[in-house]
PDB file of N, CA and C in Angstrom:
ATOM      1  N   UNK A   1     111.600 -91.893  -4.537  1.00  0.00           N
ATOM      2  CA  UNK A   1     112.262 -93.078  -5.061  1.00  0.00           C
ATOM      3  C   UNK A   1     112.501 -92.899  -6.552  1.00  0.00           C
ATOM      4  N   UNK A   2     113.558 -93.413  -7.016  1.00  0.00           N
ATOM      5  CA  UNK A   2     113.915 -93.221  -8.400  1.00  0.00           C
ATOM      6  C   UNK A   2     113.651 -94.404  -9.294  1.00  0.00           C
ATOM      7  N   UNK A   3     112.610 -95.161  -9.059  1.00  0.00           N
ATOM      8  CA  UNK A   3     112.270 -96.298  -9.918  1.00  0.00           C
ATOM      9  C   UNK A   3     111.019 -95.926 -10.708  1.00  0.00           C
ATOM     10  N   UNK A   4     111.189 -95.306 -11.877  1.00  0.00           N
ATOM     11  CA  UNK A   4     110.050 -94.819 -12.664  1.00  0.00           C
ATOM     12  C   UNK A   4     109.025 -95.915 -12.954  1.00  0.00           C
ATOM     13  N   UNK A   5     107.765 -95.574 -12.739  1.00  0.00           N
ATOM     14  CA  UNK A   5     106.673 -96.480 -13.036  1.00  0.00           C
ATOM     15  C   UNK A   5     106.481 -97.584 -12.017  1.00  0.00           C
ATOM     16  N   UNK A   6     107.249 -97.556 -10.923  1.00  0.00           N
ATOM     17  CA  UNK A   6     107.181 -98.638  -9.940  1.00  0.00           C
ATOM     18  C   UNK A   6     106.053 -98.461  -8.936  1.00  0.00           C
ATOM     19  N   UNK A   7     105.532 -97.274  -8.807  1.00  0.00           N
ATOM     20  CA  UNK A   7     104.483 -97.001  -7.835  1.00  0.00           C
ATOM     21  C   UNK A   7     104.831 -95.757  -7.040  1.00  0.00           C
ATOM     22  N   UNK A   8     103.813 -95.161  -6.441  1.00  0.00           N
ATOM     23  CA  UNK A   8     103.991 -93.888  -5.745  1.00  0.00           C
ATOM     24  C   UNK A   8     104.682 -94.021  -4.397  1.00  0.00           C
ATOM     25  N   UNK A   9     104.653 -95.222  -3.825  1.00  0.00           N
ATOM     26  CA  UNK A   9     105.176 -95.431  -2.475  1.00  0.00           C
ATOM     27  C   UNK A   9     106.174 -96.578  -2.487  1.00  0.00           C
ATOM     28  N   UNK A  10     107.216 -96.440  -1.683  1.00  0.00           N
ATOM     29  CA  UNK A  10     108.188 -97.526  -1.527  1.00  0.00           C
ATOM     30  C   UNK A  10     108.446 -97.746  -0.040  1.00  0.00           C
ATOM     31  N   UNK A  11     108.361 -98.996   0.389  1.00  0.00           N
ATOM     32  CA  UNK A  11     108.757 -99.391   1.743  1.00  0.00           C
ATOM     33  C   UNK A  11     110.123-100.029   1.615  1.00  0.00           C
ATOM     34  N   UNK A  12     111.115 -99.493   2.306  1.00  0.00           N
ATOM     35  CA  UNK A  12     112.470-100.009   2.214  1.00  0.00           C
ATOM     36  C   UNK A  12     112.758-100.859   3.448  1.00  0.00           C
ATOM     37  N   UNK A  13     113.194-102.088   3.201  1.00  0.00           N
ATOM     38  CA  UNK A  13     113.584-102.996   4.279  1.00  0.00           C
ATOM     39  C   UNK A  13     115.095-103.162   4.210  1.00  0.00           C
ATOM     40  N   UNK A  14     115.739-103.105   5.369  1.00  0.00           N
ATOM     41  CA  UNK A  14     117.193-103.188   5.451  1.00  0.00           C
ATOM     42  C   UNK A  14     117.544-104.298   6.437  1.00  0.00           C
ATOM     43  N   UNK A  15     118.510-105.160   6.060  1.00  0.00           N
ATOM     44  CA  UNK A  15     118.918-106.244   6.954  1.00  0.00           C
ATOM     45  C   UNK A  15     119.424-105.658   8.277  1.00  0.00           C
ATOM     46  N   UNK A  16     119.271-106.410   9.358  1.00  0.00           N
ATOM     47  CA  UNK A  16     119.562-105.928  10.714  1.00  0.00           C
ATOM     48  C   UNK A  16     120.977-105.373  10.872  1.00  0.00           C
ATOM     49  N   UNK A  17     121.977-106.081  10.372  1.00  0.00           N
ATOM     50  CA  UNK A  17     123.358-105.629  10.539  1.00  0.00           C
ATOM     51  C   UNK A  17     123.640-104.342   9.767  1.00  0.00           C
ATOM     52  N   UNK A  18     122.897-104.084   8.719  1.00  0.00           N
ATOM     53  CA  UNK A  18     123.119-102.908   7.879  1.00  0.00           C
ATOM     54  C   UNK A  18     122.284-101.703   8.303  1.00  0.00           C
ATOM     55  N   UNK A  19     121.292-101.927   9.131  1.00  0.00           N
ATOM     56  CA  UNK A  19     120.340-100.866   9.476  1.00  0.00           C
ATOM     57  C   UNK A  19     120.986 -99.627  10.104  1.00  0.00           C
ATOM     58  N   UNK A  20     121.874 -99.761  11.099  1.00  0.00           N
ATOM     59  CA  UNK A  20     122.473 -98.544  11.683  1.00  0.00           C
ATOM     60  C   UNK A  20     123.223 -97.707  10.644  1.00  0.00           C
ATOM     61  N   UNK A  21     123.973 -98.346   9.765  1.00  0.00           N
ATOM     62  CA  UNK A  21     124.688 -97.616   8.732  1.00  0.00           C
ATOM     63  C   UNK A  21     123.758 -96.957   7.738  1.00  0.00           C
ATOM     64  N   UNK A  22     122.659 -97.622   7.424  1.00  0.00           N
ATOM     65  CA  UNK A  22     121.687 -97.061   6.479  1.00  0.00           C
ATOM     66  C   UNK A  22     120.999 -95.841   7.079  1.00  0.00           C
ATOM     67  N   UNK A  23     120.681 -95.923   8.368  1.00  0.00           N
ATOM     68  CA  UNK A  23     119.976 -94.826   9.032  1.00  0.00           C
ATOM     69  C   UNK A  23     120.844 -93.578   9.192  1.00  0.00           C
ATOM     70  N   UNK A  24     122.156 -93.725   9.146  1.00  0.00           N
ATOM     71  CA  UNK A  24     123.066 -92.589   9.331  1.00  0.00           C
ATOM     72  C   UNK A  24     123.944 -92.384   8.094  1.00  0.00           C
ATOM     73  N   UNK A  25     123.444 -92.737   6.953  1.00  0.00           N
ATOM     74  CA  UNK A  25     124.202 -92.713   5.707  1.00  0.00           C
ATOM     75  C   UNK A  25     124.767 -91.328   5.395  1.00  0.00           C
ATOM     76  N   UNK A  26     126.081 -91.300   5.126  1.00  0.00           N
ATOM     77  CA  UNK A  26     126.764 -90.089   4.679  1.00  0.00           C
ATOM     78  C   UNK A  26     127.706 -90.484   3.544  1.00  0.00           C
ATOM     79  N   UNK A  27     128.385 -89.511   2.969  1.00  0.00           N
ATOM     80  CA  UNK A  27     129.213 -89.748   1.783  1.00  0.00           C
ATOM     81  C   UNK A  27     130.196 -90.901   1.941  1.00  0.00           C
ATOM     82  N   UNK A  28     130.903 -91.029   3.033  1.00  0.00           N
ATOM     83  CA  UNK A  28     131.911 -92.077   3.191  1.00  0.00           C
ATOM     84  C   UNK A  28     131.389 -93.338   3.873  1.00  0.00           C
ATOM     85  N   UNK A  29     130.100 -93.487   3.985  1.00  0.00           N
ATOM     86  CA  UNK A  29     129.523 -94.677   4.628  1.00  0.00           C
ATOM     87  C   UNK A  29     129.862 -95.938   3.846  1.00  0.00           C
ATOM     88  N   UNK A  30     129.965 -97.035   4.571  1.00  0.00           N
ATOM     89  CA  UNK A  30     130.136 -98.350   3.943  1.00  0.00           C
ATOM     90  C   UNK A  30     129.328 -99.346   4.751  1.00  0.00           C
ATOM     91  N   UNK A  31     128.324 -99.923   4.129  1.00  0.00           N
ATOM     92  CA  UNK A  31     127.532-100.933   4.810  1.00  0.00           C
ATOM     93  C   UNK A  31     128.306-102.241   4.859  1.00  0.00           C
ATOM     94  N   UNK A  32     127.968-103.106   5.815  1.00  0.00           N
ATOM     95  CA  UNK A  32     128.738-104.335   5.987  1.00  0.00           C
ATOM     96  C   UNK A  32     128.494-105.358   4.877  1.00  0.00           C
ATOM     97  N   UNK A  33     129.450-106.256   4.753  1.00  0.00           N
ATOM     98  CA  UNK A  33     129.337-107.386   3.836  1.00  0.00           C
ATOM     99  C   UNK A  33     128.045-108.143   4.148  1.00  0.00           C
ATOM    100  N   UNK A  34     127.327-108.561   3.127  1.00  0.00           N
ATOM    101  CA  UNK A  34     126.079-109.300   3.310  1.00  0.00           C
ATOM    102  C   UNK A  34     124.856-108.422   3.496  1.00  0.00           C
ATOM    103  N   UNK A  35     125.026-107.095   3.466  1.00  0.00           N
ATOM    104  CA  UNK A  35     123.886-106.184   3.618  1.00  0.00           C
ATOM    105  C   UNK A  35     122.859-106.453   2.529  1.00  0.00           C
ATOM    106  N   UNK A  36     121.600-106.412   2.917  1.00  0.00           N
ATOM    107  CA  UNK A  36     120.479-106.564   1.980  1.00  0.00           C
ATOM    108  C   UNK A  36     119.564-105.359   2.116  1.00  0.00           C
ATOM    109  N   UNK A  37     119.185-104.794   0.994  1.00  0.00           N
ATOM    110  CA  UNK A  37     118.253-103.671   0.938  1.00  0.00           C
ATOM    111  C   UNK A  37     117.174-104.056  -0.064  1.00  0.00           C
ATOM    112  N   UNK A  38     115.912-103.927   0.330  1.00  0.00           N
ATOM    113  CA  UNK A  38     114.809-104.253  -0.578  1.00  0.00           C
ATOM    114  C   UNK A  38     113.787-103.119  -0.565  1.00  0.00           C
ATOM    115  N   UNK A  39     113.426-102.623  -1.741  1.00  0.00           N
ATOM    116  CA  UNK A  39     112.415-101.579  -1.883  1.00  0.00           C
ATOM    117  C   UNK A  39     111.159-102.202  -2.478  1.00  0.00           C
ATOM    118  N   UNK A  40     110.080-102.221  -1.680  1.00  0.00           N
ATOM    119  CA  UNK A  40     108.786-102.782  -2.076  1.00  0.00           C
ATOM    120  C   UNK A  40     107.907-101.625  -2.525  1.00  0.00           C
ATOM    121  N   UNK A  41     107.521-101.608  -3.794  1.00  0.00           N
ATOM    122  CA  UNK A  41     106.740-100.502  -4.350  1.00  0.00           C
ATOM    123  C   UNK A  41     105.255-100.837  -4.411  1.00  0.00           C
ATOM    124  N   UNK A  42     104.437 -99.786  -4.414  1.00  0.00           N
ATOM    125  CA  UNK A  42     102.997 -99.956  -4.533  1.00  0.00           C
ATOM    126  C   UNK A  42     102.314 -98.611  -4.659  1.00  0.00           C
ATOM    127  N   UNK A  43     100.980 -98.634  -4.573  1.00  0.00           N
ATOM    128  CA  UNK A  43     100.236 -97.386  -4.662  1.00  0.00           C
ATOM    129  C   UNK A  43     100.008 -96.808  -3.264  1.00  0.00           C
ATOM    130  N   UNK A  44      99.539 -95.581  -3.210  1.00  0.00           N
ATOM    131  CA  UNK A  44      99.353 -94.885  -1.926  1.00  0.00           C
ATOM    132  C   UNK A  44      98.301 -95.540  -1.042  1.00  0.00           C
ATOM    133  N   UNK A  45      97.337 -96.200  -1.632  1.00  0.00           N
ATOM    134  CA  UNK A  45      96.263 -96.817  -0.859  1.00  0.00           C
ATOM    135  C   UNK A  45      96.649 -98.188  -0.309  1.00  0.00           C
ATOM    136  N   UNK A  46      97.745 -98.724  -0.776  1.00  0.00           N
ATOM    137  CA  UNK A  46      98.188-100.039  -0.300  1.00  0.00           C
ATOM    138  C   UNK A  46      97.467-101.199  -0.960  1.00  0.00           C
ATOM    139  N   UNK A  47      96.787-100.949  -2.079  1.00  0.00           N
ATOM    140  CA  UNK A  47      96.031-102.003  -2.758  1.00  0.00           C
ATOM    141  C   UNK A  47      96.839-102.711  -3.843  1.00  0.00           C
ATOM    142  N   UNK A  48      97.570-101.942  -4.627  1.00  0.00           N
ATOM    143  CA  UNK A  48      98.288-102.514  -5.769  1.00  0.00           C
ATOM    144  C   UNK A  48      99.765-102.675  -5.430  1.00  0.00           C
ATOM    145  N   UNK A  49     100.211-103.913  -5.393  1.00  0.00           N
ATOM    146  CA  UNK A  49     101.627-104.179  -5.158  1.00  0.00           C
ATOM    147  C   UNK A  49     102.392-103.986  -6.457  1.00  0.00           C
ATOM    148  N   UNK A  50     103.567-103.411  -6.343  1.00  0.00           N
ATOM    149  CA  UNK A  50     104.404-103.176  -7.513  1.00  0.00           C
ATOM    150  C   UNK A  50     105.665-104.018  -7.436  1.00  0.00           C
ATOM    151  N   UNK A  51     106.659-103.660  -8.223  1.00  0.00           N
ATOM    152  CA  UNK A  51     107.897-104.426  -8.244  1.00  0.00           C
ATOM    153  C   UNK A  51     108.689-104.273  -6.947  1.00  0.00           C
ATOM    154  N   UNK A  52     109.633-105.181  -6.771  1.00  0.00           N
ATOM    155  CA  UNK A  52     110.541-105.154  -5.620  1.00  0.00           C
ATOM    156  C   UNK A  52     111.955-105.094  -6.190  1.00  0.00           C
ATOM    157  N   UNK A  53     112.743-104.164  -5.689  1.00  0.00           N
ATOM    158  CA  UNK A  53     114.134-104.025  -6.114  1.00  0.00           C
ATOM    159  C   UNK A  53     115.026-104.388  -4.935  1.00  0.00           C
ATOM    160  N   UNK A  54     115.984-105.286  -5.163  1.00  0.00           N
ATOM    161  CA  UNK A  54     116.831-105.789  -4.085  1.00  0.00           C
ATOM    162  C   UNK A  54     118.296-105.533  -4.421  1.00  0.00           C
ATOM    163  N   UNK A  55     119.046-105.114  -3.401  1.00  0.00           N
ATOM    164  CA  UNK A  55     120.497-104.948  -3.511  1.00  0.00           C
ATOM    165  C   UNK A  55     121.138-105.841  -2.456  1.00  0.00           C
ATOM    166  N   UNK A  56     122.219-106.514  -2.823  1.00  0.00           N
ATOM    167  CA  UNK A  56     122.958-107.338  -1.875  1.00  0.00           C
ATOM    168  C   UNK A  56     124.443-107.038  -2.031  1.00  0.00           C
ATOM    169  N   UNK A  57     125.121-106.842  -0.890  1.00  0.00           N
ATOM    170  CA  UNK A  57     126.549-106.528  -0.934  1.00  0.00           C
ATOM    171  C   UNK A  57     127.364-107.786  -0.667  1.00  0.00           C
ATOM    172  N   UNK A  58     128.155-108.192  -1.660  1.00  0.00           N
ATOM    173  CA  UNK A  58     129.036-109.367  -1.569  1.00  0.00           C
ATOM    174  C   UNK A  58     130.373-109.013  -2.199  1.00  0.00           C
ATOM    175  N   UNK A  59     131.463-109.381  -1.518  1.00  0.00           N
ATOM    176  CA  UNK A  59     132.787-109.092  -2.061  1.00  0.00           C
ATOM    177  C   UNK A  59     133.033-107.607  -2.230  1.00  0.00           C
ATOM    178  N   UNK A  60     132.387-106.793  -1.398  1.00  0.00           N
ATOM    179  CA  UNK A  60     132.564-105.351  -1.455  1.00  0.00           C
ATOM    180  C   UNK A  60     131.803-104.659  -2.568  1.00  0.00           C
ATOM    181  N   UNK A  61     131.013-105.399  -3.338  1.00  0.00           N
ATOM    182  CA  UNK A  61     130.254-104.822  -4.459  1.00  0.00           C
ATOM    183  C   UNK A  61     128.771-105.158  -4.310  1.00  0.00           C
ATOM    184  N   UNK A  62     127.949-104.327  -4.889  1.00  0.00           N
ATOM    185  CA  UNK A  62     126.505-104.529  -4.845  1.00  0.00           C
ATOM    186  C   UNK A  62     126.038-105.297  -6.079  1.00  0.00           C
ATOM    187  N   UNK A  63     125.102-106.218  -5.865  1.00  0.00           N
ATOM    188  CA  UNK A  63     124.403-106.860  -6.981  1.00  0.00           C
ATOM    189  C   UNK A  63     122.947-106.408  -6.897  1.00  0.00           C
ATOM    190  N   UNK A  64     122.273-106.422  -8.022  1.00  0.00           N
ATOM    191  CA  UNK A  64     120.918-105.889  -8.132  1.00  0.00           C
ATOM    192  C   UNK A  64     119.995-106.937  -8.738  1.00  0.00           C
ATOM    193  N   UNK A  65     118.774-107.016  -8.186  1.00  0.00           N
ATOM    194  CA  UNK A  65     117.765-107.947  -8.696  1.00  0.00           C
ATOM    195  C   UNK A  65     116.417-107.235  -8.684  1.00  0.00           C
ATOM    196  N   UNK A  66     115.665-107.423  -9.741  1.00  0.00           N
ATOM    197  CA  UNK A  66     114.293-106.915  -9.809  1.00  0.00           C
ATOM    198  C   UNK A  66     113.350-108.102  -9.730  1.00  0.00           C
ATOM    199  N   UNK A  67     112.310-107.964  -8.900  1.00  0.00           N
ATOM    200  CA  UNK A  67     111.291-109.011  -8.747  1.00  0.00           C
ATOM    201  C   UNK A  67     109.919-108.425  -9.060  1.00  0.00           C
ATOM    202  N   UNK A  68     109.013-109.276  -9.524  1.00  0.00           N
ATOM    203  CA  UNK A  68     107.627-108.851  -9.665  1.00  0.00           C
ATOM    204  C   UNK A  68     107.009-108.808  -8.272  1.00  0.00           C
ATOM    205  N   UNK A  69     105.805-108.288  -8.168  1.00  0.00           N
ATOM    206  CA  UNK A  69     105.095-108.249  -6.884  1.00  0.00           C
ATOM    207  C   UNK A  69     104.890-109.653  -6.314  1.00  0.00           C
ATOM    208  N   UNK A  70     104.895-110.666  -7.165  1.00  0.00           N
ATOM    209  CA  UNK A  70     104.721-112.053  -6.724  1.00  0.00           C
ATOM    210  C   UNK A  70     106.044-112.754  -6.427  1.00  0.00           C
ATOM    211  N   UNK A  71     107.164-112.034  -6.567  1.00  0.00           N
ATOM    212  CA  UNK A  71     108.460-112.597  -6.225  1.00  0.00           C
ATOM    213  C   UNK A  71     109.188-113.311  -7.341  1.00  0.00           C
ATOM    214  N   UNK A  72     108.738-113.133  -8.572  1.00  0.00           N
ATOM    215  CA  UNK A  72     109.399-113.760  -9.713  1.00  0.00           C
ATOM    216  C   UNK A  72     110.524-112.838 -10.199  1.00  0.00           C
ATOM    217  N   UNK A  73     111.706-113.399 -10.399  1.00  0.00           N
ATOM    218  CA  UNK A  73     112.840-112.607 -10.862  1.00  0.00           C
ATOM    219  C   UNK A  73     112.582-112.116 -12.287  1.00  0.00           C
ATOM    220  N   UNK A  74     112.834-110.819 -12.492  1.00  0.00           N
ATOM    221  CA  UNK A  74     112.685-110.192 -13.800  1.00  0.00           C
ATOM    222  C   UNK A  74     114.072-110.121 -14.436  1.00  0.00           C
ATOM    223  N   UNK A  75     114.185-110.668 -15.623  1.00  0.00           N
ATOM    224  CA  UNK A  75     115.450-110.558 -16.352  1.00  0.00           C
ATOM    225  C   UNK A  75     115.574-109.119 -16.820  1.00  0.00           C
ATOM    226  N   UNK A  76     116.556-108.404 -16.287  1.00  0.00           N
ATOM    227  CA  UNK A  76     116.710-106.999 -16.652  1.00  0.00           C
ATOM    228  C   UNK A  76     118.184-106.626 -16.682  1.00  0.00           C
ATOM    229  N   UNK A  77     118.455-105.513 -17.312  1.00  0.00           N
ATOM    230  CA  UNK A  77     119.811-105.006 -17.432  1.00  0.00           C
ATOM    231  C   UNK A  77     120.160-104.241 -16.157  1.00  0.00           C
ATOM    232  N   UNK A  78     120.894-104.877 -15.252  1.00  0.00           N
ATOM    233  CA  UNK A  78     121.203-104.244 -13.971  1.00  0.00           C
ATOM    234  C   UNK A  78     122.342-103.232 -14.064  1.00  0.00           C
ATOM    235  N   UNK A  79     122.937-103.066 -15.235  1.00  0.00           N
ATOM    236  CA  UNK A  79     123.959-102.023 -15.369  1.00  0.00           C
ATOM    237  C   UNK A  79     123.322-100.643 -15.197  1.00  0.00           C
ATOM    238  N   UNK A  80     122.051-100.520 -15.548  1.00  0.00           N
ATOM    239  CA  UNK A  80     121.327 -99.264 -15.309  1.00  0.00           C
ATOM    240  C   UNK A  80     121.207 -99.004 -13.824  1.00  0.00           C
ATOM    241  N   UNK A  81     120.943-100.056 -13.044  1.00  0.00           N
ATOM    242  CA  UNK A  81     120.844 -99.927 -11.581  1.00  0.00           C
ATOM    243  C   UNK A  81     122.168 -99.420 -11.021  1.00  0.00           C
ATOM    244  N   UNK A  82     123.255-100.084 -11.393  1.00  0.00           N
ATOM    245  CA  UNK A  82     124.583 -99.728 -10.903  1.00  0.00           C
ATOM    246  C   UNK A  82     124.947 -98.299 -11.312  1.00  0.00           C
ATOM    247  N   UNK A  83     124.601 -97.912 -12.533  1.00  0.00           N
ATOM    248  CA  UNK A  83     124.911 -96.571 -13.007  1.00  0.00           C
ATOM    249  C   UNK A  83     124.212 -95.494 -12.198  1.00  0.00           C
ATOM    250  N   UNK A  84     122.948 -95.698 -11.917  1.00  0.00           N
ATOM    251  CA  UNK A  84     122.187 -94.719 -11.135  1.00  0.00           C
ATOM    252  C   UNK A  84     122.696 -94.684  -9.688  1.00  0.00           C
ATOM    253  N   UNK A  85     122.882 -95.848  -9.097  1.00  0.00           N
ATOM    254  CA  UNK A  85     123.312 -95.917  -7.705  1.00  0.00           C
ATOM    255  C   UNK A  85     124.747 -95.430  -7.503  1.00  0.00           C
ATOM    256  N   UNK A  86     125.531 -95.360  -8.562  1.00  0.00           N
ATOM    257  CA  UNK A  86     126.894 -94.828  -8.453  1.00  0.00           C
ATOM    258  C   UNK A  86     126.884 -93.366  -8.018  1.00  0.00           C
ATOM    259  N   UNK A  87     125.808 -92.656  -8.305  1.00  0.00           N
ATOM    260  CA  UNK A  87     125.690 -91.255  -7.922  1.00  0.00           C
ATOM    261  C   UNK A  87     124.968 -91.033  -6.611  1.00  0.00           C
ATOM    262  N   UNK A  88     124.818 -92.071  -5.817  1.00  0.00           N
ATOM    263  CA  UNK A  88     124.075 -91.990  -4.562  1.00  0.00           C
ATOM    264  C   UNK A  88     124.889 -91.314  -3.464  1.00  0.00           C
ATOM    265  N   UNK A  89     124.240 -91.078  -2.340  1.00  0.00           N
ATOM    266  CA  UNK A  89     124.837 -90.392  -1.193  1.00  0.00           C
ATOM    267  C   UNK A  89     126.082 -91.109  -0.688  1.00  0.00           C
ATOM    268  N   UNK A  90     125.968 -92.400  -0.389  1.00  0.00           N
ATOM    269  CA  UNK A  90     127.099 -93.147   0.136  1.00  0.00           C
ATOM    270  C   UNK A  90     126.926 -94.631  -0.087  1.00  0.00           C
ATOM    271  N   UNK A  91     127.994 -95.331  -0.419  1.00  0.00           N
ATOM    272  CA  UNK A  91     127.996 -96.773  -0.654  1.00  0.00           C
ATOM    273  C   UNK A  91     126.879 -97.204  -1.606  1.00  0.00           C
ATOM    274  N   UNK A  92     126.682 -96.427  -2.647  1.00  0.00           N
ATOM    275  CA  UNK A  92     125.678 -96.697  -3.692  1.00  0.00           C
ATOM    276  C   UNK A  92     124.238 -96.687  -3.177  1.00  0.00           C
ATOM    277  N   UNK A  93     124.007 -96.028  -2.059  1.00  0.00           N
ATOM    278  CA  UNK A  93     122.669 -95.948  -1.466  1.00  0.00           C
ATOM    279  C   UNK A  93     122.238 -94.495  -1.303  1.00  0.00           C
ATOM    280  N   UNK A  94     120.931 -94.263  -1.433  1.00  0.00           N
ATOM    281  CA  UNK A  94     120.390 -92.918  -1.301  1.00  0.00           C
ATOM    282  C   UNK A  94     119.949 -92.610   0.111  1.00  0.00           C
ATOM    283  N   UNK A  95     119.651 -93.617   0.919  1.00  0.00           N
ATOM    284  CA  UNK A  95     119.297 -93.414   2.320  1.00  0.00           C
ATOM    285  C   UNK A  95     117.881 -92.946   2.530  1.00  0.00           C
ATOM    286  N   UNK A  96     117.636 -92.533   3.754  1.00  0.00           N
ATOM    287  CA  UNK A  96     116.313 -92.088   4.160  1.00  0.00           C
ATOM    288  C   UNK A  96     115.991 -90.731   3.543  1.00  0.00           C
ATOM    289  N   UNK A  97     114.712 -90.458   3.302  1.00  0.00           N
ATOM    290  CA  UNK A  97     114.351 -89.123   2.802  1.00  0.00           C
ATOM    291  C   UNK A  97     114.775 -88.073   3.828  1.00  0.00           C
ATOM    292  N   UNK A  98     115.264 -86.965   3.348  1.00  0.00           N
ATOM    293  CA  UNK A  98     115.674 -85.879   4.231  1.00  0.00           C
ATOM    294  C   UNK A  98     114.546 -84.866   4.326  1.00  0.00           C
ATOM    295  N   UNK A  99     114.298 -84.393   5.536  1.00  0.00           N
ATOM    296  CA  UNK A  99     113.285 -83.354   5.725  1.00  0.00           C
ATOM    297  C   UNK A  99     113.850 -82.013   5.290  1.00  0.00           C
ATOM    298  N   UNK A 100     113.021 -81.247   4.637  1.00  0.00           N
ATOM    299  CA  UNK A 100     113.437 -79.893   4.259  1.00  0.00           C
ATOM    300  C   UNK A 100     113.525 -79.058   5.519  1.00  0.00           C
ATOM    301  N   UNK A 101     114.603 -78.304   5.658  1.00  0.00           N
ATOM    302  CA  UNK A 101     114.749 -77.455   6.833  1.00  0.00           C
ATOM    303  C   UNK A 101     113.826 -76.259   6.717  1.00  0.00           C
ATOM    304  N   UNK A 102     113.274 -75.871   7.854  1.00  0.00           N
ATOM    305  CA  UNK A 102     112.411 -74.706   7.888  1.00  0.00           C
ATOM    306  C   UNK A 102     113.296 -73.460   7.877  1.00  0.00           C
ATOM    307  N   UNK A 103     113.014 -72.538   6.962  1.00  0.00           N
ATOM    308  CA  UNK A 103     113.830 -71.307   6.927  1.00  0.00           C
ATOM    309  C   UNK A 103     113.745 -70.562   8.253  1.00  0.00           C
ATOM    310  N   UNK A 104     114.888 -70.046   8.690  1.00  0.00           N
ATOM    311  CA  UNK A 104     114.915 -69.275   9.924  1.00  0.00           C
ATOM    312  C   UNK A 104     114.571 -67.818   9.630  1.00  0.00           C
ATOM    313  N   UNK A 105     113.774 -67.213  10.535  1.00  0.00           N
ATOM    314  CA  UNK A 105     113.383 -65.812  10.300  1.00  0.00           C
ATOM    315  C   UNK A 105     114.547 -64.868  10.402  1.00  0.00           C
TER     316      UNK A 105
END
């Protein structure tokens, strides 16, 4: 995950209508209007909750919100979010982690 200082682990939740597109994300993918993506950060042991980053697609564009672990909105410069996500795999999303292929003998 590319949210520095947010925690070692992120659980990503994707709204039901957007889930199939997220699971098969490629360069030309486009998630549906109203898609919601939320990344819940924390530590590896599951004890310390970290920030939550949310993306919502409206009018064909993504909006970004940062929340504290308690759900309080953090006033932040979301242009940084948009800038980073502009370089993502598809539709401003990075998708599921990819497994490294095992070299063939």
